[in-house]
Full PDB file with SEQRES, HELIX, SHEET, SSBOND, CRYST1, ORIGX, SCALE, CONECT and MASTER records, all heavy atoms in Angstrom:
SEQRES   1 A   41  ALA TYR PHE ASP ALA HIS TYR LYS ALA LEU ALA PHE MET          
SEQRES   2 A   41  LYS GLU HIS PRO ASP GLU ALA LEU ALA ILE ALA ALA LYS          
SEQRES   3 A   41  GLU GLN LYS ILE SER LEU GLU ASP ALA LYS ALA GLN MET          
SEQRES   4 A   41  PRO LEU                                                      
HELIX    1 AA1 TYR A    2  GLU A   15  1                                  14    
HELIX    2 AA2 PRO A   17  GLN A   28  1                                  12    
HELIX    3 AA3 LEU A   32  GLN A   38  1                                   7    
CRYST1    1.000    1.000    1.000  90.00  90.00  90.00 P 1           1          
ORIGX1      1.000000  0.000000  0.000000        0.00000                         
ORIGX2      0.000000  1.000000  0.000000        0.00000                         
ORIGX3      0.000000  0.000000  1.000000        0.00000                         
SCALE1      1.000000  0.000000  0.000000        0.00000                         
SCALE2      0.000000  1.000000  0.000000        0.00000                         
SCALE3      0.000000  0.000000  1.000000        0.00000                         
ATOM      1  N   ALA A   1       0.801  -1.194  -0.004  1.00  0.00           N  
ATOM      2  CA  ALA A   1      -0.021   0.012   0.011  1.00  0.00           C  
ATOM      3  C   ALA A   1       0.836   1.245  -0.025  1.00  0.00           C  
ATOM      4  O   ALA A   1       0.634   2.206  -0.694  1.00  0.00           O  
ATOM      5  CB  ALA A   1      -0.949  -0.050   1.224  1.00  0.00           C  
ATOM      6  N   TYR A   2       1.971   1.186   0.736  1.00  0.00           N  
ATOM      7  CA  TYR A   2       2.879   2.295   0.823  1.00  0.00           C  
ATOM      8  C   TYR A   2       3.480   2.505  -0.595  1.00  0.00           C  
ATOM      9  O   TYR A   2       3.521   3.687  -1.096  1.00  0.00           O  
ATOM     10  CB  TYR A   2       4.029   2.120   1.782  1.00  0.00           C  
ATOM     11  CG  TYR A   2       5.157   3.178   1.742  1.00  0.00           C  
ATOM     12  CD1 TYR A   2       5.038   4.357   2.166  1.00  0.00           C  
ATOM     13  CD2 TYR A   2       6.231   2.789   0.835  1.00  0.00           C  
ATOM     14  CE1 TYR A   2       5.978   5.334   1.991  1.00  0.00           C  
ATOM     15  CE2 TYR A   2       7.200   3.750   0.653  1.00  0.00           C  
ATOM     16  CZ  TYR A   2       7.075   5.052   1.219  1.00  0.00           C  
ATOM     17  OH  TYR A   2       8.073   5.959   1.056  1.00  0.00           O  
ATOM     18  N   PHE A   3       3.910   1.497  -1.263  1.00  0.00           N  
ATOM     19  CA  PHE A   3       4.487   1.614  -2.558  1.00  0.00           C  
ATOM     20  C   PHE A   3       3.498   2.057  -3.641  1.00  0.00           C  
ATOM     21  O   PHE A   3       3.844   2.773  -4.650  1.00  0.00           O  
ATOM     22  CB  PHE A   3       5.173   0.388  -3.061  1.00  0.00           C  
ATOM     23  CG  PHE A   3       6.568   0.189  -2.437  1.00  0.00           C  
ATOM     24  CD1 PHE A   3       6.872  -0.761  -1.501  1.00  0.00           C  
ATOM     25  CD2 PHE A   3       7.533   1.137  -2.730  1.00  0.00           C  
ATOM     26  CE1 PHE A   3       8.056  -0.853  -0.976  1.00  0.00           C  
ATOM     27  CE2 PHE A   3       8.792   1.020  -2.238  1.00  0.00           C  
ATOM     28  CZ  PHE A   3       9.079   0.009  -1.345  1.00  0.00           C  
ATOM     29  N   ASP A   4       2.181   1.643  -3.463  1.00  0.00           N  
ATOM     30  CA  ASP A   4       1.143   2.201  -4.347  1.00  0.00           C  
ATOM     31  C   ASP A   4       1.170   3.725  -4.371  1.00  0.00           C  
ATOM     32  O   ASP A   4       1.105   4.344  -5.336  1.00  0.00           O  
ATOM     33  CB  ASP A   4      -0.187   1.624  -3.947  1.00  0.00           C  
ATOM     34  CG  ASP A   4      -0.472   0.197  -4.361  1.00  0.00           C  
ATOM     35  OD1 ASP A   4       0.403  -0.335  -5.093  1.00  0.00           O  
ATOM     36  OD2 ASP A   4      -1.282  -0.489  -3.840  1.00  0.00           O  
ATOM     37  N   ALA A   5       1.235   4.287  -3.152  1.00  0.00           N  
ATOM     38  CA  ALA A   5       1.251   5.715  -2.994  1.00  0.00           C  
ATOM     39  C   ALA A   5       2.582   6.383  -3.537  1.00  0.00           C  
ATOM     40  O   ALA A   5       2.509   7.383  -4.205  1.00  0.00           O  
ATOM     41  CB  ALA A   5       1.050   6.118  -1.513  1.00  0.00           C  
ATOM     42  N   HIS A   6       3.643   5.701  -3.210  1.00  0.00           N  
ATOM     43  CA  HIS A   6       4.973   6.235  -3.699  1.00  0.00           C  
ATOM     44  C   HIS A   6       4.980   6.325  -5.259  1.00  0.00           C  
ATOM     45  O   HIS A   6       5.403   7.316  -5.741  1.00  0.00           O  
ATOM     46  CB  HIS A   6       6.051   5.321  -3.134  1.00  0.00           C  
ATOM     47  CG  HIS A   6       7.500   5.913  -3.358  1.00  0.00           C  
ATOM     48  ND1 HIS A   6       7.995   6.897  -2.613  1.00  0.00           N  
ATOM     49  CD2 HIS A   6       8.429   5.626  -4.247  1.00  0.00           C  
ATOM     50  CE1 HIS A   6       9.137   7.251  -3.089  1.00  0.00           C  
ATOM     51  NE2 HIS A   6       9.360   6.482  -4.076  1.00  0.00           N  
ATOM     52  N   TYR A   7       4.698   5.221  -5.813  1.00  0.00           N  
ATOM     53  CA  TYR A   7       4.668   5.112  -7.329  1.00  0.00           C  
ATOM     54  C   TYR A   7       3.663   5.986  -7.951  1.00  0.00           C  
ATOM     55  O   TYR A   7       3.819   6.537  -9.074  1.00  0.00           O  
ATOM     56  CB  TYR A   7       4.444   3.747  -7.850  1.00  0.00           C  
ATOM     57  CG  TYR A   7       5.767   2.972  -7.933  1.00  0.00           C  
ATOM     58  CD1 TYR A   7       6.390   2.399  -6.820  1.00  0.00           C  
ATOM     59  CD2 TYR A   7       6.474   2.930  -9.172  1.00  0.00           C  
ATOM     60  CE1 TYR A   7       7.631   1.720  -6.961  1.00  0.00           C  
ATOM     61  CE2 TYR A   7       7.712   2.304  -9.285  1.00  0.00           C  
ATOM     62  CZ  TYR A   7       8.305   1.666  -8.149  1.00  0.00           C  
ATOM     63  OH  TYR A   7       9.455   1.044  -8.239  1.00  0.00           O  
ATOM     64  N   LYS A   8       2.550   6.290  -7.222  1.00  0.00           N  
ATOM     65  CA  LYS A   8       1.536   7.224  -7.763  1.00  0.00           C  
ATOM     66  C   LYS A   8       2.161   8.707  -7.710  1.00  0.00           C  
ATOM     67  O   LYS A   8       1.918   9.422  -8.635  1.00  0.00           O  
ATOM     68  CB  LYS A   8       0.345   7.160  -6.915  1.00  0.00           C  
ATOM     69  CG  LYS A   8      -0.888   7.871  -7.510  1.00  0.00           C  
ATOM     70  CD  LYS A   8      -2.136   7.478  -6.719  1.00  0.00           C  
ATOM     71  CE  LYS A   8      -3.418   8.044  -7.396  1.00  0.00           C  
ATOM     72  NZ  LYS A   8      -4.639   7.736  -6.635  1.00  0.00           N  
ATOM     73  N   ALA A   9       2.901   9.006  -6.756  1.00  0.00           N  
ATOM     74  CA  ALA A   9       3.564  10.325  -6.740  1.00  0.00           C  
ATOM     75  C   ALA A   9       4.584  10.388  -7.823  1.00  0.00           C  
ATOM     76  O   ALA A   9       4.748  11.452  -8.519  1.00  0.00           O  
ATOM     77  CB  ALA A   9       4.288  10.507  -5.325  1.00  0.00           C  
ATOM     78  N   LEU A  10       5.355   9.346  -8.036  1.00  0.00           N  
ATOM     79  CA  LEU A  10       6.381   9.403  -9.096  1.00  0.00           C  
ATOM     80  C   LEU A  10       5.672   9.537 -10.435  1.00  0.00           C  
ATOM     81  O   LEU A  10       6.218  10.271 -11.355  1.00  0.00           O  
ATOM     82  CB  LEU A  10       7.210   8.142  -9.152  1.00  0.00           C  
ATOM     83  CG  LEU A  10       8.098   7.933  -7.941  1.00  0.00           C  
ATOM     84  CD1 LEU A  10       8.801   6.531  -7.980  1.00  0.00           C  
ATOM     85  CD2 LEU A  10       9.231   8.978  -7.971  1.00  0.00           C  
ATOM     86  N   ALA A  11       4.565   8.931 -10.644  1.00  0.00           N  
ATOM     87  CA  ALA A  11       3.791   8.991 -11.907  1.00  0.00           C  
ATOM     88  C   ALA A  11       3.334  10.444 -12.025  1.00  0.00           C  
ATOM     89  O   ALA A  11       3.325  11.015 -13.245  1.00  0.00           O  
ATOM     90  CB  ALA A  11       2.588   8.103 -11.908  1.00  0.00           C  
ATOM     91  N   PHE A  12       2.867  11.165 -10.998  1.00  0.00           N  
ATOM     92  CA  PHE A  12       2.426  12.444 -11.068  1.00  0.00           C  
ATOM     93  C   PHE A  12       3.535  13.417 -11.468  1.00  0.00           C  
ATOM     94  O   PHE A  12       3.316  14.270 -12.238  1.00  0.00           O  
ATOM     95  CB  PHE A  12       1.817  12.896  -9.731  1.00  0.00           C  
ATOM     96  CG  PHE A  12       1.233  14.243  -9.753  1.00  0.00           C  
ATOM     97  CD1 PHE A  12      -0.068  14.533 -10.089  1.00  0.00           C  
ATOM     98  CD2 PHE A  12       2.038  15.371  -9.358  1.00  0.00           C  
ATOM     99  CE1 PHE A  12      -0.507  15.847 -10.102  1.00  0.00           C  
ATOM    100  CE2 PHE A  12       1.542  16.607  -9.369  1.00  0.00           C  
ATOM    101  CZ  PHE A  12       0.276  16.911  -9.792  1.00  0.00           C  
ATOM    102  N   MET A  13       4.723  13.182 -10.862  1.00  0.00           N  
ATOM    103  CA  MET A  13       5.891  14.005 -11.218  1.00  0.00           C  
ATOM    104  C   MET A  13       6.234  13.922 -12.704  1.00  0.00           C  
ATOM    105  O   MET A  13       6.646  14.866 -13.368  1.00  0.00           O  
ATOM    106  CB  MET A  13       7.089  13.545 -10.357  1.00  0.00           C  
ATOM    107  CG  MET A  13       6.935  13.882  -8.891  1.00  0.00           C  
ATOM    108  SD  MET A  13       8.204  12.916  -7.902  1.00  0.00           S  
ATOM    109  CE  MET A  13       9.694  13.484  -8.574  1.00  0.00           C  
ATOM    110  N   LYS A  14       6.011  12.648 -13.260  1.00  0.00           N  
ATOM    111  CA  LYS A  14       6.384  12.494 -14.688  1.00  0.00           C  
ATOM    112  C   LYS A  14       5.327  13.130 -15.483  1.00  0.00           C  
ATOM    113  O   LYS A  14       5.695  13.735 -16.546  1.00  0.00           O  
ATOM    114  CB  LYS A  14       6.507  11.007 -14.938  1.00  0.00           C  
ATOM    115  CG  LYS A  14       6.937  10.665 -16.444  1.00  0.00           C  
ATOM    116  CD  LYS A  14       7.020   9.171 -16.628  1.00  0.00           C  
ATOM    117  CE  LYS A  14       7.457   8.798 -17.985  1.00  0.00           C  
ATOM    118  NZ  LYS A  14       7.588   7.392 -18.205  1.00  0.00           N  
ATOM    119  N   GLU A  15       4.035  13.007 -15.205  1.00  0.00           N  
ATOM    120  CA  GLU A  15       2.933  13.430 -16.032  1.00  0.00           C  
ATOM    121  C   GLU A  15       2.691  14.992 -15.817  1.00  0.00           C  
ATOM    122  O   GLU A  15       2.168  15.647 -16.765  1.00  0.00           O  
ATOM    123  CB  GLU A  15       1.702  12.687 -15.756  1.00  0.00           C  
ATOM    124  CG  GLU A  15       1.822  11.150 -16.079  1.00  0.00           C  
ATOM    125  CD  GLU A  15       0.745  10.337 -15.442  1.00  0.00           C  
ATOM    126  OE1 GLU A  15      -0.143  10.852 -14.797  1.00  0.00           O  
ATOM    127  OE2 GLU A  15       0.928   9.055 -15.495  1.00  0.00           O  
ATOM    128  N   HIS A  16       2.979  15.528 -14.681  1.00  0.00           N  
ATOM    129  CA  HIS A  16       2.664  16.911 -14.414  1.00  0.00           C  
ATOM    130  C   HIS A  16       3.917  17.577 -13.738  1.00  0.00           C  
ATOM    131  O   HIS A  16       3.895  18.035 -12.601  1.00  0.00           O  
ATOM    132  CB  HIS A  16       1.511  17.051 -13.368  1.00  0.00           C  
ATOM    133  CG  HIS A  16       0.286  16.362 -13.891  1.00  0.00           C  
ATOM    134  ND1 HIS A  16      -0.525  16.841 -14.814  1.00  0.00           N  
ATOM    135  CD2 HIS A  16      -0.232  15.095 -13.624  1.00  0.00           C  
ATOM    136  CE1 HIS A  16      -1.569  15.982 -15.024  1.00  0.00           C  
ATOM    137  NE2 HIS A  16      -1.368  14.956 -14.232  1.00  0.00           N  
ATOM    138  N   PRO A  17       5.053  17.582 -14.483  1.00  0.00           N  
ATOM    139  CA  PRO A  17       6.321  18.038 -13.883  1.00  0.00           C  
ATOM    140  C   PRO A  17       6.243  19.560 -13.310  1.00  0.00           C  
ATOM    141  O   PRO A  17       6.757  19.823 -12.270  1.00  0.00           O  
ATOM    142  CB  PRO A  17       7.325  17.991 -15.007  1.00  0.00           C  
ATOM    143  CG  PRO A  17       6.480  17.936 -16.260  1.00  0.00           C  
ATOM    144  CD  PRO A  17       5.222  17.271 -15.837  1.00  0.00           C  
ATOM    145  N   ASP A  18       5.582  20.434 -14.017  1.00  0.00           N  
ATOM    146  CA  ASP A  18       5.475  21.776 -13.573  1.00  0.00           C  
ATOM    147  C   ASP A  18       4.720  21.942 -12.298  1.00  0.00           C  
ATOM    148  O   ASP A  18       5.087  22.642 -11.346  1.00  0.00           O  
ATOM    149  CB  ASP A  18       4.813  22.729 -14.645  1.00  0.00           C  
ATOM    150  CG  ASP A  18       5.708  22.872 -15.831  1.00  0.00           C  
ATOM    151  OD1 ASP A  18       6.876  22.562 -15.784  1.00  0.00           O  
ATOM    152  OD2 ASP A  18       5.209  23.151 -16.970  1.00  0.00           O  
ATOM    153  N   GLU A  19       3.594  21.206 -12.178  1.00  0.00           N  
ATOM    154  CA  GLU A  19       2.761  21.259 -10.891  1.00  0.00           C  
ATOM    155  C   GLU A  19       3.562  20.656  -9.790  1.00  0.00           C  
ATOM    156  O   GLU A  19       3.499  21.118  -8.631  1.00  0.00           O  
ATOM    157  CB  GLU A  19       1.474  20.522 -11.066  1.00  0.00           C  
ATOM    158  CG  GLU A  19       0.536  20.700  -9.946  1.00  0.00           C  
ATOM    159  CD  GLU A  19      -0.865  20.120 -10.123  1.00  0.00           C  
ATOM    160  OE1 GLU A  19      -1.167  19.708 -11.232  1.00  0.00           O  
ATOM    161  OE2 GLU A  19      -1.585  19.980  -9.112  1.00  0.00           O  
ATOM    162  N   ALA A  20       4.300  19.505 -10.017  1.00  0.00           N  
ATOM    163  CA  ALA A  20       5.050  18.855  -9.020  1.00  0.00           C  
ATOM    164  C   ALA A  20       6.121  19.839  -8.455  1.00  0.00           C  
ATOM    165  O   ALA A  20       6.309  19.890  -7.243  1.00  0.00           O  
ATOM    166  CB  ALA A  20       5.593  17.516  -9.540  1.00  0.00           C  
ATOM    167  N   LEU A  21       6.733  20.460  -9.366  1.00  0.00           N  
ATOM    168  CA  LEU A  21       7.823  21.401  -8.947  1.00  0.00           C  
ATOM    169  C   LEU A  21       7.194  22.595  -8.128  1.00  0.00           C  
ATOM    170  O   LEU A  21       7.837  23.058  -7.098  1.00  0.00           O  
ATOM    171  CB  LEU A  21       8.602  21.930 -10.189  1.00  0.00           C  
ATOM    172  CG  LEU A  21       9.674  21.107 -10.774  1.00  0.00           C  
ATOM    173  CD1 LEU A  21      10.228  21.695 -11.954  1.00  0.00           C  
ATOM    174  CD2 LEU A  21      10.778  20.880  -9.750  1.00  0.00           C  
ATOM    175  N   ALA A  22       6.040  22.969  -8.581  1.00  0.00           N  
ATOM    176  CA  ALA A  22       5.400  24.139  -7.788  1.00  0.00           C  
ATOM    177  C   ALA A  22       5.043  23.678  -6.454  1.00  0.00           C  
ATOM    178  O   ALA A  22       5.179  24.403  -5.507  1.00  0.00           O  
ATOM    179  CB  ALA A  22       4.173  24.551  -8.557  1.00  0.00           C  
ATOM    180  N   ILE A  23       4.550  22.433  -6.245  1.00  0.00           N  
ATOM    181  CA  ILE A  23       4.194  21.876  -4.989  1.00  0.00           C  
ATOM    182  C   ILE A  23       5.538  21.748  -4.092  1.00  0.00           C  
ATOM    183  O   ILE A  23       5.505  22.200  -2.917  1.00  0.00           O  
ATOM    184  CB  ILE A  23       3.604  20.519  -5.153  1.00  0.00           C  
ATOM    185  CG1 ILE A  23       2.192  20.647  -5.701  1.00  0.00           C  
ATOM    186  CG2 ILE A  23       3.533  19.799  -3.780  1.00  0.00           C  
ATOM    187  CD1 ILE A  23       1.603  19.292  -6.195  1.00  0.00           C  
ATOM    188  N   ALA A  24       6.580  21.313  -4.702  1.00  0.00           N  
ATOM    189  CA  ALA A  24       7.792  21.181  -3.951  1.00  0.00           C  
ATOM    190  C   ALA A  24       8.361  22.486  -3.565  1.00  0.00           C  
ATOM    191  O   ALA A  24       8.984  22.688  -2.468  1.00  0.00           O  
ATOM    192  CB  ALA A  24       8.887  20.377  -4.739  1.00  0.00           C  
ATOM    193  N   ALA A  25       8.296  23.452  -4.454  1.00  0.00           N  
ATOM    194  CA  ALA A  25       8.873  24.767  -4.237  1.00  0.00           C  
ATOM    195  C   ALA A  25       8.168  25.467  -3.023  1.00  0.00           C  
ATOM    196  O   ALA A  25       8.702  26.127  -2.168  1.00  0.00           O  
ATOM    197  CB  ALA A  25       8.793  25.716  -5.450  1.00  0.00           C  
ATOM    198  N   LYS A  26       6.788  25.291  -3.064  1.00  0.00           N  
ATOM    199  CA  LYS A  26       5.959  25.875  -1.926  1.00  0.00           C  
ATOM    200  C   LYS A  26       6.375  25.287  -0.597  1.00  0.00           C  
ATOM    201  O   LYS A  26       6.550  25.905   0.402  1.00  0.00           O  
ATOM    202  CB  LYS A  26       4.572  25.662  -2.249  1.00  0.00           C  
ATOM    203  CG  LYS A  26       3.575  26.179  -1.155  1.00  0.00           C  
ATOM    204  CD  LYS A  26       2.165  25.966  -1.498  1.00  0.00           C  
ATOM    205  CE  LYS A  26       1.166  26.551  -0.394  1.00  0.00           C  
ATOM    206  NZ  LYS A  26      -0.201  26.260  -0.771  1.00  0.00           N  
ATOM    207  N   GLU A  27       6.548  23.882  -0.575  1.00  0.00           N  
ATOM    208  CA  GLU A  27       6.834  23.261   0.594  1.00  0.00           C  
ATOM    209  C   GLU A  27       8.274  23.577   1.144  1.00  0.00           C  
ATOM    210  O   GLU A  27       8.463  23.770   2.348  1.00  0.00           O  
ATOM    211  CB  GLU A  27       6.859  21.674   0.455  1.00  0.00           C  
ATOM    212  CG  GLU A  27       7.385  20.859   1.571  1.00  0.00           C  
ATOM    213  CD  GLU A  27       6.549  20.858   2.855  1.00  0.00           C  
ATOM    214  OE1 GLU A  27       5.361  21.368   2.749  1.00  0.00           O  
ATOM    215  OE2 GLU A  27       6.911  20.307   3.902  1.00  0.00           O  
ATOM    216  N   GLN A  28       9.178  23.752   0.211  1.00  0.00           N  
ATOM    217  CA  GLN A  28      10.562  24.078   0.553  1.00  0.00           C  
ATOM    218  C   GLN A  28      10.794  25.609   0.784  1.00  0.00           C  
ATOM    219  O   GLN A  28      11.918  25.975   1.198  1.00  0.00           O  
ATOM    220  CB  GLN A  28      11.508  23.552  -0.500  1.00  0.00           C  
ATOM    221  CG  GLN A  28      11.563  22.119  -0.684  1.00  0.00           C  
ATOM    222  CD  GLN A  28      12.435  21.405   0.376  1.00  0.00           C  
ATOM    223  OE1 GLN A  28      13.618  21.568   0.398  1.00  0.00           O  
ATOM    224  NE2 GLN A  28      11.793  20.620   1.247  1.00  0.00           N  
ATOM    225  N   LYS A  29       9.803  26.383   0.418  1.00  0.00           N  
ATOM    226  CA  LYS A  29       9.873  27.895   0.508  1.00  0.00           C  
ATOM    227  C   LYS A  29      10.946  28.369  -0.258  1.00  0.00           C  
ATOM    228  O   LYS A  29      11.772  29.240   0.113  1.00  0.00           O  
ATOM    229  CB  LYS A  29      10.137  28.242   2.022  1.00  0.00           C  
ATOM    230  CG  LYS A  29       8.840  27.853   2.948  1.00  0.00           C  
ATOM    231  CD  LYS A  29       9.068  28.317   4.390  1.00  0.00           C  
ATOM    232  CE  LYS A  29       7.801  28.062   5.235  1.00  0.00           C  
ATOM    233  NZ  LYS A  29       7.471  26.632   5.205  1.00  0.00           N  
ATOM    234  N   ILE A  30      11.037  27.897  -1.456  1.00  0.00           N  
ATOM    235  CA  ILE A  30      12.042  28.403  -2.511  1.00  0.00           C  
ATOM    236  C   ILE A  30      11.296  28.835  -3.736  1.00  0.00           C  
ATOM    237  O   ILE A  30      10.100  28.461  -3.910  1.00  0.00           O  
ATOM    238  CB  ILE A  30      13.142  27.379  -2.854  1.00  0.00           C  
ATOM    239  CG1 ILE A  30      12.470  26.064  -3.427  1.00  0.00           C  
ATOM    240  CG2 ILE A  30      13.903  26.940  -1.563  1.00  0.00           C  
ATOM    241  CD1 ILE A  30      13.498  25.018  -3.897  1.00  0.00           C  
ATOM    242  N   SER A  31      11.962  29.470  -4.624  1.00  0.00           N  
ATOM    243  CA  SER A  31      11.284  29.922  -5.879  1.00  0.00           C  
ATOM    244  C   SER A  31      11.185  28.728  -6.842  1.00  0.00           C  
ATOM    245  O   SER A  31      11.908  27.790  -6.700  1.00  0.00           O  
ATOM    246  CB  SER A  31      12.198  30.985  -6.597  1.00  0.00           C  
ATOM    247  OG  SER A  31      13.414  30.483  -7.008  1.00  0.00           O  
ATOM    248  N   LEU A  32      10.357  28.937  -7.795  1.00  0.00           N  
ATOM    249  CA  LEU A  32      10.093  27.831  -8.858  1.00  0.00           C  
ATOM    250  C   LEU A  32      11.435  27.612  -9.575  1.00  0.00           C  
ATOM    251  O   LEU A  32      11.820  26.549  -9.965  1.00  0.00           O  
ATOM    252  CB  LEU A  32       8.969  28.225  -9.718  1.00  0.00           C  
ATOM    253  CG  LEU A  32       8.568  27.199 -10.727  1.00  0.00           C  
ATOM    254  CD1 LEU A  32       8.198  25.766  -9.996  1.00  0.00           C  
ATOM    255  CD2 LEU A  32       7.447  27.676 -11.650  1.00  0.00           C  
ATOM    256  N   GLU A  33      12.160  28.794  -9.751  1.00  0.00           N  
ATOM    257  CA  GLU A  33      13.458  28.733 -10.496  1.00  0.00           C  
ATOM    258  C   GLU A  33      14.422  27.854  -9.659  1.00  0.00           C  
ATOM    259  O   GLU A  33      15.167  26.999 -10.302  1.00  0.00           O  
ATOM    260  CB  GLU A  33      14.059  30.114 -10.768  1.00  0.00           C  
ATOM    261  CG  GLU A  33      13.252  30.894 -11.758  1.00  0.00           C  
ATOM    262  CD  GLU A  33      11.888  31.441 -11.348  1.00  0.00           C  
ATOM    263  OE1 GLU A  33      11.741  31.448 -10.056  1.00  0.00           O  
ATOM    264  OE2 GLU A  33      10.965  31.618 -12.116  1.00  0.00           O  
ATOM    265  N   ASP A  34      14.421  28.050  -8.422  1.00  0.00           N  
ATOM    266  CA  ASP A  34      15.391  27.226  -7.695  1.00  0.00           C  
ATOM    267  C   ASP A  34      15.010  25.832  -7.617  1.00  0.00           C  
ATOM    268  O   ASP A  34      15.826  24.973  -7.589  1.00  0.00           O  
ATOM    269  CB  ASP A  34      15.452  27.837  -6.125  1.00  0.00           C  
ATOM    270  CG  ASP A  34      16.198  29.137  -6.014  1.00  0.00           C  
ATOM    271  OD1 ASP A  34      16.991  29.420  -6.964  1.00  0.00           O  
ATOM    272  OD2 ASP A  34      15.978  29.809  -5.087  1.00  0.00           O  
ATOM    273  N   ALA A  35      13.690  25.534  -7.555  1.00  0.00           N  
ATOM    274  CA  ALA A  35      13.241  24.154  -7.585  1.00  0.00           C  
ATOM    275  C   ALA A  35      13.619  23.475  -8.910  1.00  0.00           C  
ATOM    276  O   ALA A  35      14.061  22.311  -8.902  1.00  0.00           O  
ATOM    277  CB  ALA A  35      11.786  24.086  -7.404  1.00  0.00           C  
ATOM    278  N   LYS A  36      13.571  24.208  -9.964  1.00  0.00           N  
ATOM    279  CA  LYS A  36      13.931  23.623 -11.263  1.00  0.00           C  
ATOM    280  C   LYS A  36      15.453  23.356 -11.381  1.00  0.00           C  
ATOM    281  O   LYS A  36      15.835  22.370 -11.922  1.00  0.00           O  
ATOM    282  CB  LYS A  36      13.585  24.634 -12.353  1.00  0.00           C  
ATOM    283  CG  LYS A  36      12.044  24.721 -12.709  1.00  0.00           C  
ATOM    284  CD  LYS A  36      11.740  25.758 -13.791  1.00  0.00           C  
ATOM    285  CE  LYS A  36      10.300  25.689 -14.130  1.00  0.00           C  
ATOM    286  NZ  LYS A  36       9.952  26.758 -15.177  1.00  0.00           N  
ATOM    287  N   ALA A  37      16.169  24.204 -10.633  1.00  0.00           N  
ATOM    288  CA  ALA A  37      17.628  23.972 -10.601  1.00  0.00           C  
ATOM    289  C   ALA A  37      18.020  22.844  -9.793  1.00  0.00           C  
ATOM    290  O   ALA A  37      19.016  22.013 -10.029  1.00  0.00           O  
ATOM    291  CB  ALA A  37      18.406  25.218 -10.042  1.00  0.00           C  
ATOM    292  N   GLN A  38      17.179  22.444  -8.768  1.00  0.00           N  
ATOM    293  CA  GLN A  38      17.448  21.358  -7.845  1.00  0.00           C  
ATOM    294  C   GLN A  38      17.052  20.034  -8.528  1.00  0.00           C  
ATOM    295  O   GLN A  38      17.792  19.040  -8.235  1.00  0.00           O  
ATOM    296  CB  GLN A  38      16.571  21.511  -6.604  1.00  0.00           C  
ATOM    297  CG  GLN A  38      17.021  22.552  -5.576  1.00  0.00           C  
ATOM    298  CD  GLN A  38      18.323  22.100  -4.851  1.00  0.00           C  
ATOM    299  OE1 GLN A  38      18.322  21.116  -4.223  1.00  0.00           O  
ATOM    300  NE2 GLN A  38      19.280  22.956  -4.925  1.00  0.00           N  
ATOM    301  N   MET A  39      15.970  19.954  -9.291  1.00  0.00           N  
ATOM    302  CA  MET A  39      15.424  18.729  -9.665  1.00  0.00           C  
ATOM    303  C   MET A  39      16.484  17.839 -10.529  1.00  0.00           C  
ATOM    304  O   MET A  39      16.526  16.625 -10.285  1.00  0.00           O  
ATOM    305  CB  MET A  39      14.249  18.971 -10.596  1.00  0.00           C  
ATOM    306  CG  MET A  39      13.379  17.811 -10.928  1.00  0.00           C  
ATOM    307  SD  MET A  39      12.644  17.151  -9.344  1.00  0.00           S  
ATOM    308  CE  MET A  39      11.727  15.714 -10.017  1.00  0.00           C  
ATOM    309  N   PRO A  40      17.407  18.370 -11.343  1.00  0.00           N  
ATOM    310  CA  PRO A  40      18.200  17.530 -12.053  1.00  0.00           C  
ATOM    311  C   PRO A  40      19.333  16.871 -11.249  1.00  0.00           C  
ATOM    312  O   PRO A  40      20.026  16.018 -11.718  1.00  0.00           O  
ATOM    313  CB  PRO A  40      18.919  18.485 -13.111  1.00  0.00           C  
ATOM    314  CG  PRO A  40      17.971  19.633 -13.200  1.00  0.00           C  
ATOM    315  CD  PRO A  40      17.356  19.825 -11.908  1.00  0.00           C  
ATOM    316  N   LEU A  41      19.468  17.300  -9.969  1.00  0.00           N  
ATOM    317  CA  LEU A  41      20.469  16.735  -9.032  1.00  0.00           C  
ATOM    318  C   LEU A  41      19.994  15.397  -8.554  1.00  0.00           C  
ATOM    319  O   LEU A  41      20.887  14.692  -7.917  1.00  0.00           O  
ATOM    320  CB  LEU A  41      20.699  17.734  -7.936  1.00  0.00           C  
ATOM    321  CG  LEU A  41      21.136  19.086  -8.323  1.00  0.00           C  
ATOM    322  CD1 LEU A  41      21.395  19.930  -7.020  1.00  0.00           C  
ATOM    323  CD2 LEU A  41      22.395  19.137  -9.208  1.00  0.00           C  
TER     324      LEU A  41                                                      
MASTER        0    0    0    3    0    0    0    6  323    1    0    4          
END                                                                             
């Protein structure tokens, strides 16, 4: 059940990358540009 949720999140990141980055940026309290710079790492 845990992995069902985890893989669902990974699928969302792949299908909706901009929204996923916006969600992460908000949680991390960083700009969207900084979030985009972090993601490839």
